[in-house]
């Protein structure tokens, strides 16, 4: 069964860019393409009020992921739906991420097929941008890094395993010392803190992206 959900406050703004229902959302091709892959695409779209939204598409089914879920007796979901659920769970745990203002899925033979999600941008700048910006003071860089690493540690202690996606580009730090997380669809959630070896490996990988 296909689904389409949109926050009431965003219906008119999305209608103004041509998104009124699931089919128009799936067919949407406006904005600036930020990522274009075989099965997914992300576009940055400017609104009439100078606001910005991101439109993320699952262009076709990832049958391997669907089969893996079925083998594990889990409900198959699209990539964007998994991302939305991860965002909701992270917020439940007290972490910050983007707001999902609309989402929908289209099924085929009872299984998830195509999907779309519309999100708000997060505030702040990515840790990578801050670190590599020559105009940013060393004091500010060190402060942002400390906050980002504290957030990574908090995730690990909460049982959130981001594995290879524990990258500084996914941590957005604001001027008021808040951290927002993006691209969280690969996050895995456990009941116990991550072991020390895994925590160290993720921290080392995080830091490796800031070298050079």
Protein backbone atom coordinates (compact mmCIF):
# COMPACT_ATOMS: atom_id res chain seq x y z
CA UNK A 1 0.00 0.00 0.00
CA UNK A 2 1.39 3.41 -0.97
CA UNK A 3 1.70 6.14 1.65
CA UNK A 4 2.07 9.92 1.58
CA UNK A 5 2.49 12.16 4.63
CA UNK A 6 3.17 15.90 4.82
CA UNK A 7 3.15 18.34 7.71
CA UNK A 8 0.16 20.69 7.42
CA UNK A 9 2.33 23.79 7.76
CA UNK A 10 4.28 22.76 4.66
CA UNK A 11 1.47 21.83 2.25
CA UNK A 12 1.27 25.21 0.50
CA UNK A 13 5.03 25.69 0.30
CA UNK A 14 5.54 22.27 -1.25
CA UNK A 15 2.59 22.78 -3.60
CA UNK A 16 4.30 25.95 -4.83
CA UNK A 17 7.23 23.87 -6.13
CA UNK A 18 4.92 21.24 -7.61
CA UNK A 19 4.77 18.65 -4.82
CA UNK A 20 1.14 17.99 -3.94
CA UNK A 21 0.94 14.21 -3.54
CA UNK A 22 3.05 11.05 -3.72
CA UNK A 23 3.13 10.83 -7.50
CA UNK A 24 4.17 14.46 -7.98
CA UNK A 25 6.81 14.03 -5.26
CA UNK A 26 8.21 10.91 -6.94
CA UNK A 27 8.26 12.71 -10.31
CA UNK A 28 9.84 15.91 -8.94
CA UNK A 29 13.03 16.92 -10.76
CA UNK A 30 13.56 20.51 -9.63
CA UNK A 31 16.36 22.15 -7.72
CA UNK A 32 20.09 21.52 -7.77
CA UNK A 33 21.20 17.90 -7.78
CA UNK A 34 23.56 17.30 -4.86
CA UNK A 35 23.92 13.54 -5.27
CA UNK A 36 22.95 11.32 -8.18
CA UNK A 37 23.48 7.59 -7.83
CA UNK A 38 22.12 4.48 -9.50
CA UNK A 39 19.23 4.06 -7.07
CA UNK A 40 19.03 7.41 -5.30
CA UNK A 41 19.16 11.16 -5.85
CA UNK A 42 19.20 14.19 -3.55
CA UNK A 43 18.27 17.70 -4.70
CA UNK A 44 18.53 21.06 -2.96
CA UNK A 45 15.46 23.19 -3.67
CA UNK A 46 15.01 26.93 -3.04
CA UNK A 47 11.55 28.06 -1.92
CA UNK A 48 9.76 31.32 -2.69
CA UNK A 49 10.36 32.61 0.85
CA UNK A 50 14.14 32.06 0.48
CA UNK A 51 13.94 28.86 2.49
CA UNK A 52 15.58 25.61 1.41
CA UNK A 53 14.48 21.99 1.47
CA UNK A 54 16.18 18.78 0.39
CA UNK A 55 14.26 16.23 -1.69
CA UNK A 56 15.63 12.70 -1.44
CA UNK A 57 14.48 9.97 -3.83
CA UNK A 58 14.80 6.20 -3.80
CA UNK A 59 14.59 5.66 -7.55
CA UNK A 60 14.18 1.88 -7.49
CA UNK A 61 14.05 -1.05 -5.11
CA UNK A 62 17.18 -2.37 -3.46
CA UNK A 63 16.13 -6.00 -3.72
CA UNK A 64 19.18 -7.29 -1.86
CA UNK A 65 18.32 -5.19 1.17
CA UNK A 66 14.69 -6.35 0.93
CA UNK A 67 15.74 -10.00 0.82
CA UNK A 68 18.10 -9.55 3.77
CA UNK A 69 15.27 -8.04 5.81
CA UNK A 70 12.88 -10.87 4.91
CA UNK A 71 15.47 -13.52 5.81
CA UNK A 72 15.86 -11.84 9.21
CA UNK A 73 12.05 -11.70 9.61
CA UNK A 74 12.22 -7.90 9.54
CA UNK A 75 9.93 -5.48 7.73
CA UNK A 76 11.60 -4.34 4.48
CA UNK A 77 11.85 -0.56 4.13
CA UNK A 78 13.30 1.80 1.55
CA UNK A 79 16.51 3.73 2.22
CA UNK A 80 14.69 7.01 2.85
CA UNK A 81 12.18 5.34 5.17
CA UNK A 82 15.01 3.78 7.16
CA UNK A 83 16.67 7.20 7.32
CA UNK A 84 13.47 8.77 8.63
CA UNK A 85 13.11 6.08 11.29
CA UNK A 86 16.74 6.54 12.33
CA UNK A 87 16.20 10.30 12.64
CA UNK A 88 13.16 9.71 14.85
CA UNK A 89 15.03 7.27 17.08
CA UNK A 90 18.04 9.56 17.44
CA UNK A 91 15.77 12.42 18.49
CA UNK A 92 14.08 10.10 20.99
CA UNK A 93 17.54 9.43 22.46
CA UNK A 94 18.16 13.17 22.79
CA UNK A 95 20.34 13.82 19.73
CA UNK A 96 19.66 16.47 17.08
CA UNK A 97 19.08 15.92 13.39
CA UNK A 98 17.02 17.37 10.53
CA UNK A 99 13.25 17.68 10.44
CA UNK A 100 11.36 15.49 7.96
CA UNK A 101 8.48 17.57 6.58
CA UNK A 102 7.11 15.08 4.03
CA UNK A 103 7.64 11.48 3.03
CA UNK A 104 6.05 8.76 0.98
CA UNK A 105 6.57 5.23 -0.31
CA UNK A 106 5.25 3.31 -3.28
CA UNK A 107 4.98 -0.47 -3.07
CA UNK A 108 5.21 -3.20 -5.69
CA UNK A 109 3.75 -6.66 -5.00
CA UNK A 110 3.42 -5.65 -1.36
CA UNK A 111 7.11 -4.75 -1.04
CA UNK A 112 8.70 -1.27 -0.90
CA UNK A 113 9.63 0.06 -4.33
CA UNK A 114 10.20 3.81 -4.83
CA UNK A 115 10.20 6.43 -2.08
CA UNK A 116 10.72 10.12 -1.43
CA UNK A 117 11.49 12.27 1.61
CA UNK A 118 11.60 16.05 2.01
CA UNK A 119 13.74 17.47 4.81
CA UNK A 120 14.79 20.78 6.27
CA UNK A 121 18.48 21.72 6.30
CA UNK A 122 20.27 21.62 9.64
CA UNK A 123 21.88 24.73 11.13
CA UNK A 124 25.60 25.17 11.58
CA UNK A 125 28.53 23.99 9.47
CA UNK A 126 30.01 20.55 9.02
CA UNK A 127 33.05 19.75 11.11
CA UNK A 128 35.07 19.32 7.90
CA UNK A 129 34.15 22.81 6.64
CA UNK A 130 35.03 24.39 9.97
CA UNK A 131 38.34 22.53 10.21
CA UNK A 132 39.51 23.38 6.69
CA UNK A 133 38.36 27.03 6.65
CA UNK A 134 41.46 29.21 6.99
CA UNK A 135 39.33 32.12 8.23
CA UNK A 136 38.19 30.17 11.31
CA UNK A 137 40.36 30.66 14.40
CA UNK A 138 42.28 27.75 15.88
CA UNK A 139 40.37 28.22 19.11
CA UNK A 140 37.03 27.82 17.30
CA UNK A 141 38.28 24.77 15.41
CA UNK A 142 39.42 23.05 18.60
CA UNK A 143 36.16 23.92 20.35
CA UNK A 144 34.07 22.52 17.47
CA UNK A 145 36.19 19.36 17.34
CA UNK A 146 35.79 18.82 21.08
CA UNK A 147 32.00 19.16 20.80
CA UNK A 148 31.81 16.84 17.78
CA UNK A 149 33.94 14.15 19.46
CA UNK A 150 31.84 14.43 22.63
CA UNK A 151 28.75 13.80 20.49
CA UNK A 152 30.41 10.78 18.84
CA UNK A 153 31.25 9.39 22.28
CA UNK A 154 27.68 10.02 23.47
CA UNK A 155 26.35 8.11 20.46
CA UNK A 156 28.63 5.19 21.21
CA UNK A 157 27.63 5.12 24.87
CA UNK A 158 23.97 5.11 23.80
CA UNK A 159 24.58 2.02 21.66
CA UNK A 160 24.44 3.90 18.34
CA UNK A 161 26.86 2.30 15.90
CA UNK A 162 27.58 4.48 12.86
CA UNK A 163 30.57 2.35 11.85
CA UNK A 164 32.27 3.72 8.70
CA UNK A 165 29.86 6.67 8.54
CA UNK A 166 31.36 8.21 11.67
CA UNK A 167 32.75 11.03 9.55
CA UNK A 168 33.20 14.71 10.46
CA UNK A 169 31.19 15.72 7.38
CA UNK A 170 28.11 14.25 9.09
CA UNK A 171 28.49 16.40 12.23
CA UNK A 172 27.19 19.98 11.91
CA UNK A 173 28.29 22.31 14.71
CA UNK A 174 26.49 25.57 15.47
CA UNK A 175 27.81 28.77 17.05
CA UNK A 176 25.87 27.97 20.23
CA UNK A 177 27.65 24.60 20.63
CA UNK A 178 24.91 22.36 19.30
CA UNK A 179 25.61 19.36 17.06
CA UNK A 180 23.23 18.12 14.35
CA UNK A 181 23.69 14.76 12.63
CA UNK A 182 22.98 14.10 8.94
CA UNK A 183 22.95 11.05 6.63
CA UNK A 184 22.07 8.67 9.45
CA UNK A 185 20.39 5.89 7.46
CA UNK A 186 23.22 3.42 8.18
CA UNK A 187 23.08 3.93 11.93
CA UNK A 188 22.49 0.75 13.91
CA UNK A 189 21.06 0.80 17.42
CA UNK A 190 21.97 -1.55 20.23
CA UNK A 191 21.07 -1.83 23.88
CA UNK A 192 24.62 -1.58 25.19
CA UNK A 193 27.49 0.85 24.68
CA UNK A 194 29.95 -0.01 21.94
CA UNK A 195 33.08 -1.86 23.02
CA UNK A 196 36.29 0.09 23.53
CA UNK A 197 38.00 -1.22 20.39
CA UNK A 198 35.10 -0.17 18.14
CA UNK A 199 34.93 3.26 19.78
CA UNK A 200 38.64 3.82 19.19
CA UNK A 201 38.41 2.65 15.57
CA UNK A 202 35.56 5.08 14.86
CA UNK A 203 37.38 7.97 16.51
CA UNK A 204 40.53 7.26 14.50
CA UNK A 205 38.51 7.12 11.29
CA UNK A 206 36.80 10.40 12.22
CA UNK A 207 40.14 12.11 12.77
CA UNK A 208 41.64 10.72 9.56
CA UNK A 209 39.30 12.92 7.49
CA UNK A 210 40.72 16.06 9.13
CA UNK A 211 44.35 15.40 8.26
CA UNK A 212 46.18 17.15 5.49
